[in-house]
Amino acid sequence: MFGRPGGIPFDYRPILIKLGMLVGAFIIIYAILWILAEMHLIPYIVFAIFPGIILLIFGIFIFYQAYSKYREFF
């Protein structure tokens, strides 16, 4: 019915690769901001707001992935 043994209709490998790249990029950005904040080159408020920005970007990414899969199947 789905063309794959086991009946799982989705291939999660591309999504996991994109998610891994996204998480890796955020860790790198977070580390750079931390270093700059410790060196007093940027204010601590930027460093304090950053986790909220990360949650927003994760939400947008998850919504985009879900919407693109929705458009693909319907």
N, C-alpha and C. Protein backbone atom coordinates (compact mmCIF):
# COMPACT_ATOMS: atom_id res chain seq x y z
N MET A 1 0.81 -1.19 0.00
CA MET A 1 0.00 0.00 0.00
C MET A 1 0.86 1.27 0.00
N PHE A 2 1.90 1.29 0.84
CA PHE A 2 2.75 2.47 0.91
C PHE A 2 4.04 2.30 0.12
N GLY A 3 4.26 1.15 -0.44
CA GLY A 3 5.45 0.93 -1.24
C GLY A 3 6.70 0.61 -0.44
N ARG A 4 6.56 0.43 0.85
CA ARG A 4 7.71 0.12 1.70
C ARG A 4 7.35 -1.02 2.62
N PRO A 5 8.29 -1.91 2.88
CA PRO A 5 8.00 -2.96 3.86
C PRO A 5 7.86 -2.36 5.25
N GLY A 6 6.93 -2.87 6.00
CA GLY A 6 6.70 -2.37 7.35
C GLY A 6 5.57 -1.36 7.42
N GLY A 7 5.16 -0.84 6.29
CA GLY A 7 4.01 0.07 6.27
C GLY A 7 4.27 1.46 6.77
N ILE A 8 5.52 1.91 6.86
CA ILE A 8 5.81 3.27 7.30
C ILE A 8 5.89 4.15 6.06
N PRO A 9 4.97 5.11 5.92
CA PRO A 9 4.92 5.87 4.68
C PRO A 9 5.89 7.03 4.58
N PHE A 10 6.60 7.35 5.66
CA PHE A 10 7.46 8.52 5.66
C PHE A 10 8.93 8.13 5.74
N ASP A 11 9.76 8.92 5.12
CA ASP A 11 11.20 8.75 5.23
C ASP A 11 11.72 9.91 6.07
N TYR A 12 12.17 9.61 7.27
CA TYR A 12 12.55 10.65 8.22
C TYR A 12 14.01 11.07 8.10
N ARG A 13 14.79 10.41 7.28
CA ARG A 13 16.21 10.72 7.18
C ARG A 13 16.46 12.18 6.76
N PRO A 14 15.82 12.69 5.69
CA PRO A 14 16.08 14.10 5.33
C PRO A 14 15.67 15.08 6.42
N ILE A 15 14.59 14.81 7.10
CA ILE A 15 14.15 15.71 8.17
C ILE A 15 15.14 15.67 9.33
N LEU A 16 15.62 14.48 9.68
CA LEU A 16 16.59 14.39 10.78
C LEU A 16 17.91 15.05 10.41
N ILE A 17 18.32 14.95 9.16
CA ILE A 17 19.55 15.61 8.73
C ILE A 17 19.39 17.13 8.83
N LYS A 18 18.25 17.66 8.36
CA LYS A 18 18.01 19.10 8.46
C LYS A 18 17.93 19.55 9.91
N LEU A 19 17.28 18.76 10.74
CA LEU A 19 17.17 19.11 12.15
C LEU A 19 18.55 19.09 12.82
N GLY A 20 19.37 18.11 12.48
CA GLY A 20 20.72 18.05 13.03
C GLY A 20 21.56 19.24 12.61
N MET A 21 21.44 19.64 11.34
CA MET A 21 22.17 20.82 10.88
C MET A 21 21.68 22.08 11.58
N LEU A 22 20.38 22.18 11.80
CA LEU A 22 19.81 23.34 12.49
C LEU A 22 20.30 23.41 13.93
N VAL A 23 20.27 22.29 14.63
CA VAL A 23 20.73 22.26 16.02
C VAL A 23 22.22 22.59 16.09
N GLY A 24 23.01 22.04 15.18
CA GLY A 24 24.44 22.34 15.15
C GLY A 24 24.72 23.81 14.91
N ALA A 25 23.98 24.42 13.99
CA ALA A 25 24.17 25.84 13.72
C ALA A 25 23.81 26.68 14.94
N PHE A 26 22.72 26.31 15.64
CA PHE A 26 22.34 27.07 16.83
C PHE A 26 23.36 26.91 17.95
N ILE A 27 23.95 25.75 18.09
CA ILE A 27 24.99 25.57 19.11
C ILE A 27 26.20 26.43 18.80
N ILE A 28 26.58 26.50 17.53
CA ILE A 28 27.72 27.33 17.14
C ILE A 28 27.41 28.81 17.40
N ILE A 29 26.22 29.26 17.02
CA ILE A 29 25.85 30.65 17.25
C ILE A 29 25.80 30.97 18.74
N TYR A 30 25.24 30.05 19.52
CA TYR A 30 25.15 30.24 20.97
C TYR A 30 26.55 30.33 21.58
N ALA A 31 27.48 29.49 21.14
CA ALA A 31 28.84 29.52 21.66
C ALA A 31 29.54 30.83 21.31
N ILE A 32 29.33 31.30 20.09
CA ILE A 32 29.95 32.57 19.69
C ILE A 32 29.37 33.72 20.52
N LEU A 33 28.05 33.74 20.72
CA LEU A 33 27.45 34.79 21.55
C LEU A 33 27.96 34.73 22.98
N TRP A 34 28.13 33.51 23.51
CA TRP A 34 28.63 33.36 24.86
C TRP A 34 30.05 33.93 24.99
N ILE A 35 30.88 33.60 24.02
CA ILE A 35 32.25 34.10 24.05
C ILE A 35 32.27 35.62 23.96
N LEU A 36 31.46 36.18 23.05
CA LEU A 36 31.41 37.64 22.92
C LEU A 36 30.86 38.31 24.17
N ALA A 37 29.89 37.68 24.84
CA ALA A 37 29.35 38.24 26.07
C ALA A 37 30.38 38.17 27.20
N GLU A 38 31.13 37.10 27.28
CA GLU A 38 32.17 36.97 28.31
C GLU A 38 33.30 37.97 28.09
N MET A 39 33.55 38.32 26.85
CA MET A 39 34.60 39.30 26.54
C MET A 39 34.07 40.73 26.63
N HIS A 40 32.78 40.87 27.00
CA HIS A 40 32.12 42.17 27.14
C HIS A 40 32.09 42.95 25.83
N LEU A 41 32.00 42.24 24.72
CA LEU A 41 31.88 42.89 23.42
C LEU A 41 30.41 43.10 23.02
N ILE A 42 29.53 42.32 23.61
CA ILE A 42 28.10 42.52 23.39
C ILE A 42 27.44 42.57 24.77
N PRO A 43 26.33 43.26 24.87
CA PRO A 43 25.65 43.31 26.18
C PRO A 43 25.04 41.94 26.53
N TYR A 44 24.93 41.69 27.83
CA TYR A 44 24.37 40.42 28.29
C TYR A 44 22.90 40.26 27.93
N ILE A 45 22.21 41.36 27.63
CA ILE A 45 20.80 41.26 27.28
C ILE A 45 20.62 40.47 25.98
N VAL A 46 21.53 40.64 25.03
CA VAL A 46 21.47 39.88 23.78
C VAL A 46 21.64 38.40 24.08
N PHE A 47 22.57 38.09 24.96
CA PHE A 47 22.81 36.71 25.35
C PHE A 47 21.63 36.14 26.12
N ALA A 48 20.94 36.96 26.90
CA ALA A 48 19.79 36.49 27.69
C ALA A 48 18.56 36.27 26.81
N ILE A 49 18.39 37.06 25.76
CA ILE A 49 17.24 36.93 24.87
C ILE A 49 17.40 35.77 23.90
N PHE A 50 18.62 35.33 23.67
CA PHE A 50 18.91 34.34 22.64
C PHE A 50 18.11 33.04 22.78
N PRO A 51 17.92 32.45 23.99
CA PRO A 51 17.12 31.22 24.06
C PRO A 51 15.68 31.40 23.58
N GLY A 52 15.10 32.56 23.79
CA GLY A 52 13.76 32.82 23.27
C GLY A 52 13.75 32.86 21.75
N ILE A 53 14.80 33.45 21.17
CA ILE A 53 14.91 33.49 19.72
C ILE A 53 15.05 32.07 19.17
N ILE A 54 15.82 31.23 19.86
CA ILE A 54 16.00 29.84 19.43
C ILE A 54 14.66 29.11 19.44
N LEU A 55 13.86 29.29 20.48
CA LEU A 55 12.55 28.64 20.52
C LEU A 55 11.67 29.11 19.39
N LEU A 56 11.72 30.39 19.07
CA LEU A 56 10.94 30.91 17.96
C LEU A 56 11.37 30.29 16.64
N ILE A 57 12.66 30.19 16.42
CA ILE A 57 13.16 29.62 15.17
C ILE A 57 12.83 28.13 15.09
N PHE A 58 12.95 27.40 16.21
CA PHE A 58 12.55 25.99 16.22
C PHE A 58 11.07 25.85 15.87
N GLY A 59 10.24 26.70 16.42
CA GLY A 59 8.81 26.65 16.13
C GLY A 59 8.53 26.89 14.66
N ILE A 60 9.20 27.88 14.08
CA ILE A 60 9.02 28.16 12.66
C ILE A 60 9.50 26.99 11.82
N PHE A 61 10.64 26.39 12.19
CA PHE A 61 11.16 25.24 11.45
C PHE A 61 10.20 24.06 11.50
N ILE A 62 9.68 23.76 12.68
CA ILE A 62 8.76 22.63 12.82
C ILE A 62 7.48 22.90 12.05
N PHE A 63 6.96 24.12 12.12
CA PHE A 63 5.76 24.46 11.36
C PHE A 63 6.02 24.33 9.86
N TYR A 64 7.16 24.80 9.40
CA TYR A 64 7.49 24.72 7.97
C TYR A 64 7.58 23.27 7.51
N GLN A 65 8.23 22.43 8.31
CA GLN A 65 8.33 21.01 7.94
C GLN A 65 6.95 20.36 7.89
N ALA A 66 6.13 20.65 8.87
CA ALA A 66 4.79 20.06 8.89
C ALA A 66 3.95 20.57 7.72
N TYR A 67 4.05 21.85 7.41
CA TYR A 67 3.28 22.41 6.32
C TYR A 67 3.74 21.86 4.97
N SER A 68 5.06 21.71 4.80
CA SER A 68 5.56 21.17 3.53
C SER A 68 5.14 19.72 3.35
N LYS A 69 5.11 18.93 4.42
CA LYS A 69 4.63 17.55 4.32
C LYS A 69 3.13 17.51 4.05
N TYR A 70 2.40 18.45 4.63
CA TYR A 70 0.96 18.53 4.41
C TYR A 70 0.69 18.83 2.92
N ARG A 71 1.43 19.79 2.38
CA ARG A 71 1.25 20.15 0.97
C ARG A 71 1.67 19.01 0.04
N GLU A 72 2.64 18.21 0.48
CA GLU A 72 3.13 17.11 -0.34
C GLU A 72 2.09 15.99 -0.45
N PHE A 73 1.33 15.74 0.60
CA PHE A 73 0.41 14.62 0.61
C PHE A 73 -1.02 15.00 0.29
N PHE A 74 -1.36 16.30 0.33
CA PHE A 74 -2.74 16.70 0.04
C PHE A 74 -2.79 17.70 -1.08
